[in-house]
Amino acid sequence: MPVYRLREGEISFPNPIYARRDGLLAVGGDLSVERLLLAYTHGIFPWYDPGEEILWWCPRERFVIFPKEIHISRSMKKFSKRHEFRLALNRDFADTIHRCRVKREFAEGTWITDEMEEAYCRLQEAGYAVSVEVFEDGELAGGLYGVSIGRCFFGESMFSEMENGSKMALIAWAQLLERSDFLLIDCQFHTEHLESMGGRYISWEEYDRMLQEGTGR
C-alpha cells in the first residue's frame, strides 16, 4: 500500500481503509487544531520521532478500554485503601504533557516533541485535550493526557511520580468516564500494562461504528 502525502493548508486525509498493515496512513501536513480534530474523529493520530516528518497512523485493529471494564487488581484495591486520593482535571495541562515527555525520554525515548507539546496545548485551549492528575495523600502521584471528543477519549501518554501513580489516574479517569456515559478509551496501540488494566482489541468495524456514534461524525 502507498503512503499518502498530505499538504499543508489542505485539511483532509485519505480513507483510513488505505492504511498499511502496520497502521501507517499518511505523512506530512501539520498539527493544526482543525487537522487534529479531523484526524481523531476518523481514528487517525500523529506519532513520529523527533526530526521526522509527521506520520499519521490508523491501525485497522484497535486496542481500547471500555470504561466499565477497567480492571482494578486486588493489590491496587489494597493500595488505594491505604492512601487518600484526589483527582484533578486540567490542573496544569502543559506541565502534565511535559512530565509525560520527560518520563518517556528517561525510560525509552519519546515522540512528544516541542511541536507536539505546543499542538496539544492549543487543543486544550480549544476545549478538546484534557490532562488528568491524581494526588496521593496531597502529593502529585501521576497523570495522563489525551483528546476528548463527544463521548470518546483518545489516550496519548501517562506518567508516574509515585508508585502506581499512572494506574490510579487511569482508574479514576475511567470511572469518571463511565459515569459520564463515554463509549471508549482509545489506547491506539497494545501494551501489556494496558492489557492488564482491561484493554482489548476490537475490529475496525466496531471501532468505527462507536467512533461515529460517540463523536457525532
N, C-alpha and C. Protein backbone atom coordinates (compact mmCIF):
# COMPACT_ATOMS: atom_id res chain seq x y z
N MET A 1 0.84 -1.20 0.00
CA MET A 1 0.00 0.00 0.00
C MET A 1 0.88 1.26 0.00
N PRO A 2 0.52 2.26 -0.77
CA PRO A 2 1.29 3.51 -0.75
C PRO A 2 0.98 4.31 0.52
N VAL A 3 1.92 5.17 0.89
CA VAL A 3 1.69 6.09 1.99
C VAL A 3 1.38 7.45 1.38
N TYR A 4 0.27 8.04 1.79
CA TYR A 4 -0.20 9.28 1.18
C TYR A 4 0.54 10.47 1.77
N ARG A 5 0.85 11.44 0.93
CA ARG A 5 1.50 12.66 1.37
C ARG A 5 0.45 13.77 1.49
N LEU A 6 0.40 14.37 2.70
CA LEU A 6 -0.54 15.46 2.95
C LEU A 6 0.12 16.80 2.63
N ARG A 7 -0.71 17.76 2.30
CA ARG A 7 -0.20 19.10 2.00
C ARG A 7 -0.67 20.09 3.05
N GLU A 8 0.24 20.94 3.49
CA GLU A 8 -0.13 21.98 4.46
C GLU A 8 -1.18 22.88 3.84
N GLY A 9 -2.15 23.27 4.67
CA GLY A 9 -3.20 24.15 4.20
C GLY A 9 -4.41 23.42 3.65
N GLU A 10 -4.23 22.14 3.29
CA GLU A 10 -5.36 21.34 2.80
C GLU A 10 -5.73 20.35 3.90
N ILE A 11 -6.85 20.61 4.58
CA ILE A 11 -7.23 19.80 5.74
C ILE A 11 -8.03 18.59 5.27
N SER A 12 -7.34 17.50 5.00
CA SER A 12 -8.01 16.27 4.55
C SER A 12 -7.11 15.09 4.83
N PHE A 13 -7.71 13.89 4.83
CA PHE A 13 -6.98 12.64 4.97
C PHE A 13 -7.54 11.62 3.99
N PRO A 14 -6.70 10.68 3.58
CA PRO A 14 -7.24 9.57 2.79
C PRO A 14 -8.14 8.70 3.66
N ASN A 15 -8.96 7.91 3.04
CA ASN A 15 -9.82 6.98 3.77
C ASN A 15 -8.96 6.05 4.61
N PRO A 16 -9.29 5.89 5.90
CA PRO A 16 -8.49 5.01 6.78
C PRO A 16 -8.34 3.58 6.28
N ILE A 17 -9.21 3.11 5.41
CA ILE A 17 -9.10 1.74 4.92
C ILE A 17 -7.83 1.55 4.08
N TYR A 18 -7.21 2.66 3.67
CA TYR A 18 -6.00 2.57 2.86
C TYR A 18 -4.72 2.56 3.69
N ALA A 19 -4.84 2.49 5.01
CA ALA A 19 -3.65 2.41 5.86
C ALA A 19 -2.89 1.12 5.59
N ARG A 20 -1.57 1.17 5.73
CA ARG A 20 -0.77 -0.03 5.59
C ARG A 20 -1.08 -1.02 6.70
N ARG A 21 -0.59 -2.21 6.56
CA ARG A 21 -0.85 -3.24 7.56
C ARG A 21 -0.35 -2.84 8.94
N ASP A 22 0.76 -2.08 8.98
CA ASP A 22 1.29 -1.64 10.27
C ASP A 22 0.56 -0.42 10.83
N GLY A 23 -0.40 0.11 10.07
CA GLY A 23 -1.21 1.23 10.53
C GLY A 23 -0.83 2.57 9.94
N LEU A 24 0.32 2.68 9.29
CA LEU A 24 0.74 3.96 8.72
C LEU A 24 -0.16 4.34 7.55
N LEU A 25 -0.69 5.56 7.59
CA LEU A 25 -1.64 6.01 6.58
C LEU A 25 -1.09 7.14 5.71
N ALA A 26 -0.44 8.13 6.35
CA ALA A 26 -0.04 9.32 5.61
C ALA A 26 1.16 9.98 6.26
N VAL A 27 1.78 10.87 5.51
CA VAL A 27 2.94 11.61 6.00
C VAL A 27 2.78 13.08 5.61
N GLY A 28 3.30 13.97 6.48
CA GLY A 28 3.28 15.39 6.14
C GLY A 28 2.14 16.13 6.82
N GLY A 29 1.76 17.26 6.22
CA GLY A 29 0.71 18.09 6.79
C GLY A 29 1.21 18.90 7.96
N ASP A 30 0.33 19.17 8.89
CA ASP A 30 0.67 19.99 10.06
C ASP A 30 -0.11 19.50 11.27
N LEU A 31 0.09 20.17 12.40
CA LEU A 31 -0.59 19.79 13.64
C LEU A 31 -1.57 20.88 14.07
N SER A 32 -2.26 21.45 13.11
CA SER A 32 -3.26 22.47 13.44
C SER A 32 -4.42 21.83 14.19
N VAL A 33 -5.14 22.64 14.96
CA VAL A 33 -6.31 22.14 15.69
C VAL A 33 -7.30 21.50 14.73
N GLU A 34 -7.54 22.14 13.59
CA GLU A 34 -8.53 21.63 12.63
C GLU A 34 -8.12 20.26 12.10
N ARG A 35 -6.84 20.10 11.77
CA ARG A 35 -6.40 18.81 11.22
C ARG A 35 -6.44 17.72 12.30
N LEU A 36 -6.02 18.06 13.52
CA LEU A 36 -6.04 17.07 14.59
C LEU A 36 -7.47 16.60 14.90
N LEU A 37 -8.43 17.52 14.91
CA LEU A 37 -9.81 17.13 15.18
C LEU A 37 -10.34 16.23 14.06
N LEU A 38 -10.02 16.57 12.82
CA LEU A 38 -10.44 15.72 11.70
C LEU A 38 -9.82 14.34 11.83
N ALA A 39 -8.55 14.31 12.21
CA ALA A 39 -7.85 13.03 12.36
C ALA A 39 -8.51 12.16 13.42
N TYR A 40 -8.67 12.69 14.62
CA TYR A 40 -9.18 11.88 15.72
C TYR A 40 -10.60 11.39 15.47
N THR A 41 -11.44 12.19 14.86
CA THR A 41 -12.81 11.75 14.61
C THR A 41 -12.87 10.66 13.54
N HIS A 42 -11.75 10.40 12.87
CA HIS A 42 -11.69 9.32 11.88
C HIS A 42 -10.71 8.23 12.31
N GLY A 43 -10.32 8.25 13.60
CA GLY A 43 -9.47 7.18 14.12
C GLY A 43 -8.00 7.31 13.74
N ILE A 44 -7.57 8.51 13.36
CA ILE A 44 -6.20 8.75 12.91
C ILE A 44 -5.47 9.58 13.96
N PHE A 45 -4.18 9.32 14.14
CA PHE A 45 -3.42 10.10 15.13
C PHE A 45 -1.98 10.25 14.67
N PRO A 46 -1.28 11.33 15.11
CA PRO A 46 0.12 11.52 14.74
C PRO A 46 1.04 10.81 15.73
N TRP A 47 2.12 10.26 15.19
CA TRP A 47 3.10 9.56 16.03
C TRP A 47 4.38 9.43 15.22
N TYR A 48 5.42 10.13 15.67
CA TYR A 48 6.65 10.15 14.88
C TYR A 48 7.82 10.54 15.78
N ASP A 49 9.01 10.21 15.34
CA ASP A 49 10.21 10.51 16.11
C ASP A 49 10.69 11.94 15.87
N PRO A 50 11.38 12.53 16.82
CA PRO A 50 11.93 13.87 16.62
C PRO A 50 12.80 13.92 15.36
N GLY A 51 12.61 14.98 14.58
CA GLY A 51 13.38 15.14 13.35
C GLY A 51 12.73 14.54 12.12
N GLU A 52 11.71 13.68 12.32
CA GLU A 52 10.98 13.10 11.20
C GLU A 52 9.87 14.04 10.73
N GLU A 53 9.37 13.77 9.53
CA GLU A 53 8.12 14.39 9.13
C GLU A 53 7.00 13.79 9.97
N ILE A 54 5.87 14.50 10.02
CA ILE A 54 4.72 13.99 10.78
C ILE A 54 4.20 12.72 10.12
N LEU A 55 4.07 11.66 10.90
CA LEU A 55 3.49 10.41 10.43
C LEU A 55 2.11 10.24 11.04
N TRP A 56 1.15 9.84 10.23
CA TRP A 56 -0.24 9.67 10.66
C TRP A 56 -0.61 8.20 10.59
N TRP A 57 -1.19 7.70 11.69
CA TRP A 57 -1.44 6.27 11.84
C TRP A 57 -2.92 5.99 12.04
N CYS A 58 -3.33 4.82 11.56
CA CYS A 58 -4.71 4.37 11.79
C CYS A 58 -4.73 2.84 11.75
N PRO A 59 -4.34 2.20 12.87
CA PRO A 59 -4.34 0.72 12.91
C PRO A 59 -5.74 0.17 12.64
N ARG A 60 -5.78 -0.87 11.84
CA ARG A 60 -7.08 -1.45 11.48
C ARG A 60 -7.72 -2.16 12.66
N GLU A 61 -6.93 -2.79 13.50
CA GLU A 61 -7.44 -3.43 14.71
C GLU A 61 -7.09 -2.50 15.86
N ARG A 62 -8.07 -2.12 16.67
CA ARG A 62 -7.83 -1.10 17.68
C ARG A 62 -7.81 -1.68 19.08
N PHE A 63 -6.91 -1.15 19.88
CA PHE A 63 -6.79 -1.58 21.27
C PHE A 63 -7.46 -0.52 22.13
N VAL A 64 -8.50 -0.90 22.85
CA VAL A 64 -9.30 0.06 23.61
C VAL A 64 -9.58 -0.47 25.01
N ILE A 65 -9.98 0.46 25.86
CA ILE A 65 -10.52 0.11 27.17
C ILE A 65 -11.93 0.66 27.22
N PHE A 66 -12.90 -0.20 27.51
CA PHE A 66 -14.24 0.29 27.77
C PHE A 66 -14.29 0.72 29.24
N PRO A 67 -14.71 1.96 29.50
CA PRO A 67 -14.63 2.48 30.88
C PRO A 67 -15.19 1.54 31.93
N LYS A 68 -16.30 0.87 31.63
CA LYS A 68 -16.91 -0.01 32.63
C LYS A 68 -16.10 -1.28 32.86
N GLU A 69 -15.11 -1.56 31.97
CA GLU A 69 -14.31 -2.77 32.08
C GLU A 69 -12.92 -2.51 32.67
N ILE A 70 -12.69 -1.30 33.18
CA ILE A 70 -11.37 -1.02 33.76
C ILE A 70 -11.10 -2.05 34.87
N HIS A 71 -9.93 -2.65 34.81
CA HIS A 71 -9.61 -3.71 35.77
C HIS A 71 -8.82 -3.15 36.94
N ILE A 72 -9.30 -3.40 38.12
CA ILE A 72 -8.61 -2.98 39.34
C ILE A 72 -8.15 -4.24 40.06
N SER A 73 -6.87 -4.48 40.07
CA SER A 73 -6.34 -5.70 40.67
C SER A 73 -6.54 -5.70 42.18
N ARG A 74 -6.40 -6.86 42.77
CA ARG A 74 -6.56 -6.99 44.22
C ARG A 74 -5.51 -6.13 44.95
N SER A 75 -4.29 -6.13 44.41
CA SER A 75 -3.23 -5.34 45.05
C SER A 75 -3.52 -3.85 44.95
N MET A 76 -4.11 -3.40 43.82
CA MET A 76 -4.45 -1.99 43.66
C MET A 76 -5.58 -1.60 44.60
N LYS A 77 -6.52 -2.49 44.83
CA LYS A 77 -7.60 -2.21 45.77
C LYS A 77 -7.04 -2.04 47.18
N LYS A 78 -6.12 -2.90 47.56
CA LYS A 78 -5.50 -2.78 48.88
C LYS A 78 -4.70 -1.49 48.97
N PHE A 79 -3.96 -1.18 47.89
CA PHE A 79 -3.14 0.03 47.87
C PHE A 79 -4.01 1.28 48.02
N SER A 80 -5.13 1.32 47.32
CA SER A 80 -6.00 2.51 47.35
C SER A 80 -6.64 2.72 48.72
N LYS A 81 -6.81 1.62 49.47
CA LYS A 81 -7.40 1.74 50.80
C LYS A 81 -6.42 2.33 51.81
N ARG A 82 -5.13 2.24 51.50
CA ARG A 82 -4.11 2.71 52.44
C ARG A 82 -3.78 4.20 52.26
N HIS A 83 -4.34 4.80 51.19
CA HIS A 83 -3.99 6.19 50.89
C HIS A 83 -5.23 6.99 50.53
N GLU A 84 -5.10 8.29 50.63
CA GLU A 84 -6.19 9.19 50.23
C GLU A 84 -5.84 9.77 48.85
N PHE A 85 -6.76 9.61 47.90
CA PHE A 85 -6.50 10.06 46.53
C PHE A 85 -7.48 11.17 46.14
N ARG A 86 -6.97 12.10 45.34
CA ARG A 86 -7.79 13.18 44.81
C ARG A 86 -7.50 13.33 43.33
N LEU A 87 -8.56 13.42 42.53
CA LEU A 87 -8.43 13.56 41.09
C LEU A 87 -8.57 15.02 40.70
N ALA A 88 -7.73 15.47 39.77
CA ALA A 88 -7.81 16.85 39.25
C ALA A 88 -7.79 16.78 37.73
N LEU A 89 -8.56 17.66 37.09
CA LEU A 89 -8.59 17.75 35.64
C LEU A 89 -8.03 19.10 35.20
N ASN A 90 -7.15 19.07 34.21
CA ASN A 90 -6.55 20.28 33.67
C ASN A 90 -5.93 21.17 34.76
N ARG A 91 -5.32 20.53 35.73
CA ARG A 91 -4.61 21.28 36.79
C ARG A 91 -3.55 22.17 36.16
N ASP A 92 -2.78 21.59 35.26
CA ASP A 92 -1.75 22.32 34.52
C ASP A 92 -1.41 21.46 33.32
N PHE A 93 -2.14 21.64 32.23
CA PHE A 93 -2.00 20.75 31.07
C PHE A 93 -0.57 20.74 30.55
N ALA A 94 0.03 21.91 30.42
CA ALA A 94 1.39 21.99 29.89
C ALA A 94 2.37 21.23 30.77
N ASP A 95 2.17 21.28 32.07
CA ASP A 95 3.05 20.57 32.99
C ASP A 95 2.86 19.06 32.84
N THR A 96 1.62 18.62 32.70
CA THR A 96 1.35 17.19 32.59
C THR A 96 1.94 16.60 31.32
N ILE A 97 1.73 17.25 30.18
CA ILE A 97 2.28 16.71 28.93
C ILE A 97 3.81 16.71 28.97
N HIS A 98 4.39 17.71 29.61
CA HIS A 98 5.85 17.76 29.70
C HIS A 98 6.37 16.66 30.62
N ARG A 99 5.66 16.39 31.71
CA ARG A 99 6.07 15.29 32.58
C ARG A 99 6.01 13.96 31.83
N CYS A 100 4.97 13.77 31.00
CA CYS A 100 4.88 12.55 30.19
C CYS A 100 6.09 12.46 29.26
N ARG A 101 6.47 13.58 28.68
CA ARG A 101 7.62 13.60 27.77
C ARG A 101 8.92 13.26 28.49
N VAL A 102 9.14 13.90 29.62
CA VAL A 102 10.40 13.70 30.35
C VAL A 102 10.52 12.27 30.84
N LYS A 103 9.43 11.72 31.36
CA LYS A 103 9.48 10.35 31.89
C LYS A 103 9.77 9.35 30.78
N ARG A 104 9.17 9.56 29.61
CA ARG A 104 9.39 8.64 28.49
C ARG A 104 10.81 8.80 27.94
N GLU A 105 11.29 10.03 27.84
CA GLU A 105 12.65 10.25 27.35
C GLU A 105 13.66 9.54 28.24
N PHE A 106 13.43 9.62 29.54
CA PHE A 106 14.35 8.99 30.50
C PHE A 106 14.33 7.47 30.36
N ALA A 107 13.13 6.92 30.10
CA ALA A 107 12.98 5.46 30.09
C ALA A 107 13.28 4.83 28.73
N GLU A 108 12.75 5.43 27.65
CA GLU A 108 12.82 4.71 26.37
C GLU A 108 12.74 5.61 25.15
N GLY A 109 12.86 6.90 25.30
CA GLY A 109 12.68 7.78 24.15
C GLY A 109 11.23 8.18 24.00
N THR A 110 10.97 9.25 23.26
CA THR A 110 9.61 9.76 23.18
C THR A 110 9.31 10.33 21.82
N TRP A 111 8.02 10.35 21.49
CA TRP A 111 7.54 11.03 20.29
C TRP A 111 7.02 12.43 20.62
N ILE A 112 7.01 12.81 21.89
CA ILE A 112 6.44 14.09 22.31
C ILE A 112 7.50 15.17 22.11
N THR A 113 7.48 15.78 20.94
CA THR A 113 8.42 16.83 20.59
C THR A 113 7.91 18.19 21.06
N ASP A 114 8.73 19.23 20.90
CA ASP A 114 8.26 20.59 21.19
C ASP A 114 7.01 20.90 20.38
N GLU A 115 7.03 20.49 19.11
CA GLU A 115 5.90 20.74 18.21
C GLU A 115 4.64 20.05 18.72
N MET A 116 4.78 18.83 19.21
CA MET A 116 3.63 18.10 19.74
C MET A 116 3.11 18.76 21.01
N GLU A 117 4.00 19.15 21.90
CA GLU A 117 3.57 19.83 23.13
C GLU A 117 2.76 21.07 22.78
N GLU A 118 3.25 21.88 21.88
CA GLU A 118 2.56 23.11 21.51
C GLU A 118 1.21 22.81 20.87
N ALA A 119 1.16 21.80 20.02
CA ALA A 119 -0.09 21.46 19.33
C ALA A 119 -1.17 21.01 20.30
N TYR A 120 -0.80 20.17 21.27
CA TYR A 120 -1.81 19.66 22.20
C TYR A 120 -2.20 20.72 23.23
N CYS A 121 -1.32 21.64 23.51
CA CYS A 121 -1.71 22.77 24.36
C CYS A 121 -2.75 23.62 23.63
N ARG A 122 -2.59 23.79 22.32
CA ARG A 122 -3.61 24.52 21.54
C ARG A 122 -4.94 23.75 21.55
N LEU A 123 -4.87 22.43 21.47
CA LEU A 123 -6.09 21.62 21.53
C LEU A 123 -6.77 21.77 22.88
N GLN A 124 -5.97 21.84 23.93
CA GLN A 124 -6.55 22.02 25.28
C GLN A 124 -7.21 23.39 25.39
N GLU A 125 -6.57 24.41 24.86
CA GLU A 125 -7.16 25.75 24.89
C GLU A 125 -8.46 25.81 24.10
N ALA A 126 -8.57 24.96 23.07
CA ALA A 126 -9.79 24.90 22.27
C ALA A 126 -10.86 24.03 22.91
N GLY A 127 -10.52 23.37 24.02
CA GLY A 127 -11.51 22.60 24.76
C GLY A 127 -11.56 21.11 24.42
N TYR A 128 -10.53 20.59 23.74
CA TYR A 128 -10.58 19.19 23.31
C TYR A 128 -9.54 18.28 23.97
N ALA A 129 -8.44 18.82 24.41
CA ALA A 129 -7.45 17.99 25.10
C ALA A 129 -7.63 18.14 26.60
N VAL A 130 -7.37 17.06 27.32
CA VAL A 130 -7.60 17.01 28.76
C VAL A 130 -6.38 16.41 29.46
N SER A 131 -6.00 17.00 30.57
CA SER A 131 -5.00 16.37 31.43
C SER A 131 -5.68 15.91 32.71
N VAL A 132 -5.22 14.77 33.18
CA VAL A 132 -5.78 14.12 34.38
C VAL A 132 -4.63 13.91 35.35
N GLU A 133 -4.79 14.40 36.55
CA GLU A 133 -3.75 14.23 37.56
C GLU A 133 -4.36 13.63 38.83
N VAL A 134 -3.60 12.78 39.49
CA VAL A 134 -4.08 12.20 40.74
C VAL A 134 -3.07 12.52 41.84
N PHE A 135 -3.60 12.91 43.00
CA PHE A 135 -2.78 13.25 44.15
C PHE A 135 -2.94 12.17 45.21
N GLU A 136 -1.82 11.70 45.72
CA GLU A 136 -1.81 10.68 46.77
C GLU A 136 -1.37 11.33 48.07
N ASP A 137 -2.30 11.36 49.05
CA ASP A 137 -2.01 11.98 50.34
C ASP A 137 -1.48 13.41 50.16
N GLY A 138 -2.06 14.11 49.19
CA GLY A 138 -1.72 15.51 48.97
C GLY A 138 -0.57 15.76 48.01
N GLU A 139 0.12 14.70 47.57
CA GLU A 139 1.27 14.86 46.68
C GLU A 139 0.93 14.35 45.28
N LEU A 140 1.43 15.04 44.24
CA LEU A 140 1.19 14.61 42.87
C LEU A 140 1.79 13.23 42.65
N ALA A 141 0.95 12.27 42.29
CA ALA A 141 1.40 10.89 42.14
C ALA A 141 1.57 10.49 40.68
N GLY A 142 0.74 11.03 39.79
CA GLY A 142 0.82 10.66 38.38
C GLY A 142 -0.30 11.29 37.60
N GLY A 143 -0.32 11.00 36.31
CA GLY A 143 -1.36 11.57 35.48
C GLY A 143 -1.29 11.07 34.05
N LEU A 144 -2.13 11.64 33.23
CA LEU A 144 -2.20 11.28 31.82
C LEU A 144 -2.82 12.44 31.06
N TYR A 145 -2.72 12.37 29.73
CA TYR A 145 -3.42 13.36 28.91
C TYR A 145 -3.91 12.69 27.64
N GLY A 146 -4.88 13.32 27.01
CA GLY A 146 -5.43 12.80 25.77
C GLY A 146 -6.42 13.77 25.18
N VAL A 147 -7.15 13.30 24.19
CA VAL A 147 -8.10 14.12 23.45
C VAL A 147 -9.51 13.61 23.72
N SER A 148 -10.40 14.52 24.06
CA SER A 148 -11.78 14.17 24.38
C SER A 148 -12.72 14.83 23.37
N ILE A 149 -13.43 13.99 22.60
CA ILE A 149 -14.37 14.48 21.60
C ILE A 149 -15.67 13.74 21.78
N GLY A 150 -16.73 14.46 22.08
CA GLY A 150 -18.02 13.81 22.32
C GLY A 150 -17.94 12.85 23.47
N ARG A 151 -18.23 11.57 23.20
CA ARG A 151 -18.18 10.54 24.24
C ARG A 151 -17.03 9.55 23.99
N CYS A 152 -15.98 10.03 23.34
CA CYS A 152 -14.80 9.20 23.09
C CYS A 152 -13.57 9.91 23.66
N PHE A 153 -12.71 9.14 24.31
CA PHE A 153 -11.45 9.69 24.81
C PHE A 153 -10.30 8.94 24.16
N PHE A 154 -9.35 9.71 23.64
CA PHE A 154 -8.21 9.15 22.93
C PHE A 154 -6.96 9.37 23.79
N GLY A 155 -6.51 8.33 24.44
CA GLY A 155 -5.38 8.46 25.35
C GLY A 155 -4.07 8.64 24.61
N GLU A 156 -3.20 9.49 25.14
CA GLU A 156 -1.92 9.75 24.49
C GLU A 156 -0.73 9.26 25.31
N SER A 157 -0.61 9.66 26.57
CA SER A 157 0.54 9.23 27.35
C SER A 157 0.25 9.39 28.84
N MET A 158 1.05 8.69 29.67
CA MET A 158 0.88 8.72 31.11
C MET A 158 2.23 8.95 31.78
N PHE A 159 2.20 9.36 33.04
CA PHE A 159 3.43 9.47 33.81
C PHE A 159 3.15 9.10 35.26
N SER A 160 4.20 8.70 35.96
CA SER A 160 4.11 8.42 37.40
C SER A 160 5.23 9.15 38.12
N GLU A 161 4.88 9.81 39.21
CA GLU A 161 5.86 10.40 40.10
C GLU A 161 6.01 9.55 41.36
N MET A 162 4.99 8.73 41.64
CA MET A 162 5.00 7.85 42.79
C MET A 162 4.50 6.47 42.36
N GLU A 163 4.70 5.49 43.19
CA GLU A 163 4.27 4.14 42.87
C GLU A 163 2.79 4.10 42.53
N ASN A 164 2.47 3.47 41.38
CA ASN A 164 1.08 3.28 40.93
C ASN A 164 0.39 4.59 40.54
N GLY A 165 1.15 5.67 40.37
CA GLY A 165 0.52 6.96 40.07
C GLY A 165 -0.28 6.96 38.78
N SER A 166 0.31 6.46 37.69
CA SER A 166 -0.42 6.46 36.42
C SER A 166 -1.59 5.48 36.45
N LYS A 167 -1.43 4.37 37.16
CA LYS A 167 -2.53 3.41 37.27
C LYS A 167 -3.73 4.03 37.98
N MET A 168 -3.48 4.71 39.08
CA MET A 168 -4.58 5.34 39.82
C MET A 168 -5.24 6.43 38.98
N ALA A 169 -4.45 7.16 38.21
CA ALA A 169 -5.02 8.20 37.36
C ALA A 169 -5.94 7.58 36.31
N LEU A 170 -5.49 6.50 35.69
CA LEU A 170 -6.30 5.85 34.66
C LEU A 170 -7.56 5.23 35.25
N ILE A 171 -7.46 4.61 36.41
CA ILE A 171 -8.62 4.00 37.05
C ILE A 171 -9.66 5.07 37.40
N ALA A 172 -9.20 6.14 38.04
CA ALA A 172 -10.13 7.21 38.43
C ALA A 172 -10.76 7.86 37.21
N TRP A 173 -9.97 8.05 36.16
CA TRP A 173 -10.48 8.68 34.94
C TRP A 173 -11.50 7.77 34.26
N ALA A 174 -11.22 6.48 34.18
CA ALA A 174 -12.16 5.54 33.56
C ALA A 174 -13.48 5.50 34.33
N GLN A 175 -13.41 5.54 35.64
CA GLN A 175 -14.63 5.54 36.44
C GLN A 175 -15.45 6.81 36.20
N LEU A 176 -14.76 7.95 36.06
CA LEU A 176 -15.45 9.20 35.77
C LEU A 176 -16.06 9.15 34.37
N LEU A 177 -15.34 8.60 33.40
CA LEU A 177 -15.87 8.49 32.04
C LEU A 177 -17.09 7.58 31.99
N GLU A 178 -17.06 6.51 32.78
CA GLU A 178 -18.22 5.61 32.82
C GLU A 178 -19.45 6.35 33.33
N ARG A 179 -19.28 7.14 34.38
CA ARG A 179 -20.41 7.90 34.91
C ARG A 179 -20.90 8.96 33.92
N SER A 180 -20.02 9.39 33.04
CA SER A 180 -20.36 10.39 32.04
C SER A 180 -20.82 9.76 30.73
N ASP A 181 -21.02 8.44 30.71
CA ASP A 181 -21.55 7.71 29.57
C ASP A 181 -20.61 7.73 28.36
N PHE A 182 -19.31 7.74 28.59
CA PHE A 182 -18.35 7.65 27.48
C PHE A 182 -18.34 6.23 26.94
N LEU A 183 -18.10 6.10 25.64
CA LEU A 183 -18.14 4.80 25.00
C LEU A 183 -16.83 4.04 25.11
N LEU A 184 -15.70 4.76 24.99
CA LEU A 184 -14.43 4.05 24.97
C LEU A 184 -13.26 4.97 25.30
N ILE A 185 -12.17 4.33 25.70
CA ILE A 185 -10.86 4.97 25.78
C ILE A 185 -10.01 4.32 24.70
N ASP A 186 -9.63 5.07 23.70
CA ASP A 186 -8.81 4.55 22.61
C ASP A 186 -7.35 4.54 23.07
N CYS A 187 -6.77 3.36 23.19
CA CYS A 187 -5.37 3.23 23.62
C CYS A 187 -4.42 3.24 22.42
N GLN A 188 -4.98 3.17 21.20
CA GLN A 188 -4.22 3.22 19.95
C GLN A 188 -3.40 1.95 19.72
N PHE A 189 -2.39 1.69 20.55
CA PHE A 189 -1.56 0.50 20.40
C PHE A 189 -1.60 -0.35 21.67
N HIS A 190 -1.34 -1.63 21.50
CA HIS A 190 -1.34 -2.56 22.62
C HIS A 190 -0.08 -2.41 23.47
N THR A 191 -0.25 -2.46 24.79
CA THR A 191 0.87 -2.67 25.71
C THR A 191 0.39 -3.68 26.76
N GLU A 192 1.31 -4.42 27.34
CA GLU A 192 0.94 -5.38 28.38
C GLU A 192 0.35 -4.66 29.59
N HIS A 193 0.88 -3.47 29.87
CA HIS A 193 0.37 -2.69 31.00
C HIS A 193 -1.10 -2.36 30.81
N LEU A 194 -1.46 -1.86 29.63
CA LEU A 194 -2.86 -1.50 29.37
C LEU A 194 -3.75 -2.74 29.29
N GLU A 195 -3.21 -3.84 28.76
CA GLU A 195 -3.99 -5.08 28.73
C GLU A 195 -4.32 -5.54 30.15
N SER A 196 -3.36 -5.39 31.07
CA SER A 196 -3.59 -5.80 32.46
C SER A 196 -4.67 -4.95 33.13
N MET A 197 -4.95 -3.78 32.55
CA MET A 197 -5.95 -2.89 33.14
C MET A 197 -7.29 -2.96 32.40
N GLY A 198 -7.43 -3.95 31.53
CA GLY A 198 -8.72 -4.17 30.89
C GLY A 198 -8.74 -3.90 29.41
N GLY A 199 -7.62 -3.51 28.83
CA GLY A 199 -7.60 -3.21 27.40
C GLY A 199 -7.78 -4.46 26.56
N ARG A 200 -8.41 -4.30 25.39
CA ARG A 200 -8.57 -5.43 24.47
C ARG A 200 -8.75 -4.92 23.05
N TYR A 201 -8.51 -5.81 22.10
CA TYR A 201 -8.66 -5.45 20.70
C TYR A 201 -10.12 -5.52 20.28
N ILE A 202 -10.52 -4.61 19.41
CA ILE A 202 -11.81 -4.71 18.74
C ILE A 202 -11.56 -4.51 17.25
N SER A 203 -12.51 -4.94 16.44
CA SER A 203 -12.36 -4.82 15.00
C SER A 203 -12.49 -3.36 14.55
N TRP A 204 -11.97 -3.08 13.38
CA TRP A 204 -12.12 -1.74 12.82
C TRP A 204 -13.59 -1.37 12.66
N GLU A 205 -14.40 -2.32 12.24
CA GLU A 205 -15.82 -2.05 12.02
C GLU A 205 -16.51 -1.64 13.31
N GLU A 206 -16.24 -2.35 14.39
CA GLU A 206 -16.85 -1.99 15.68
C GLU A 206 -16.31 -0.65 16.17
N TYR A 207 -15.01 -0.46 16.02
CA TYR A 207 -14.39 0.80 16.45
C TYR A 207 -14.98 1.98 15.68
N ASP A 208 -15.05 1.86 14.36
CA ASP A 208 -15.55 2.97 13.54
C ASP A 208 -17.01 3.27 13.85
N ARG A 209 -17.80 2.23 14.10
CA ARG A 209 -19.21 2.46 14.46
C ARG A 209 -19.31 3.24 15.76
N MET A 210 -18.53 2.87 16.75
CA MET A 210 -18.56 3.57 18.03
C MET A 210 -18.02 4.99 17.89
N LEU A 211 -17.04 5.16 17.02
CA LEU A 211 -16.47 6.47 16.78
C LEU A 211 -17.52 7.40 16.18
N GLN A 212 -18.26 6.90 15.21
CA GLN A 212 -19.32 7.71 14.60
C GLN A 212 -20.38 8.07 15.64
N GLU A 213 -20.78 7.10 16.45
CA GLU A 213 -21.80 7.36 17.47
C GLU A 213 -21.28 8.32 18.53
N GLY A 214 -20.05 8.12 18.97
CA GLY A 214 -19.52 8.90 20.08
C GLY A 214 -19.13 10.31 19.74
N THR A 215 -18.65 10.53 18.50
CA THR A 215 -18.20 11.87 18.12
C THR A 215 -19.24 12.64 17.32
N GLY A 216 -20.30 11.95 16.88
CA GLY A 216 -21.31 12.62 16.06
C GLY A 216 -20.81 12.93 14.66
N ARG A 217 -19.82 12.14 14.21
CA ARG A 217 -19.22 12.38 12.91
C ARG A 217 -20.23 12.24 11.77
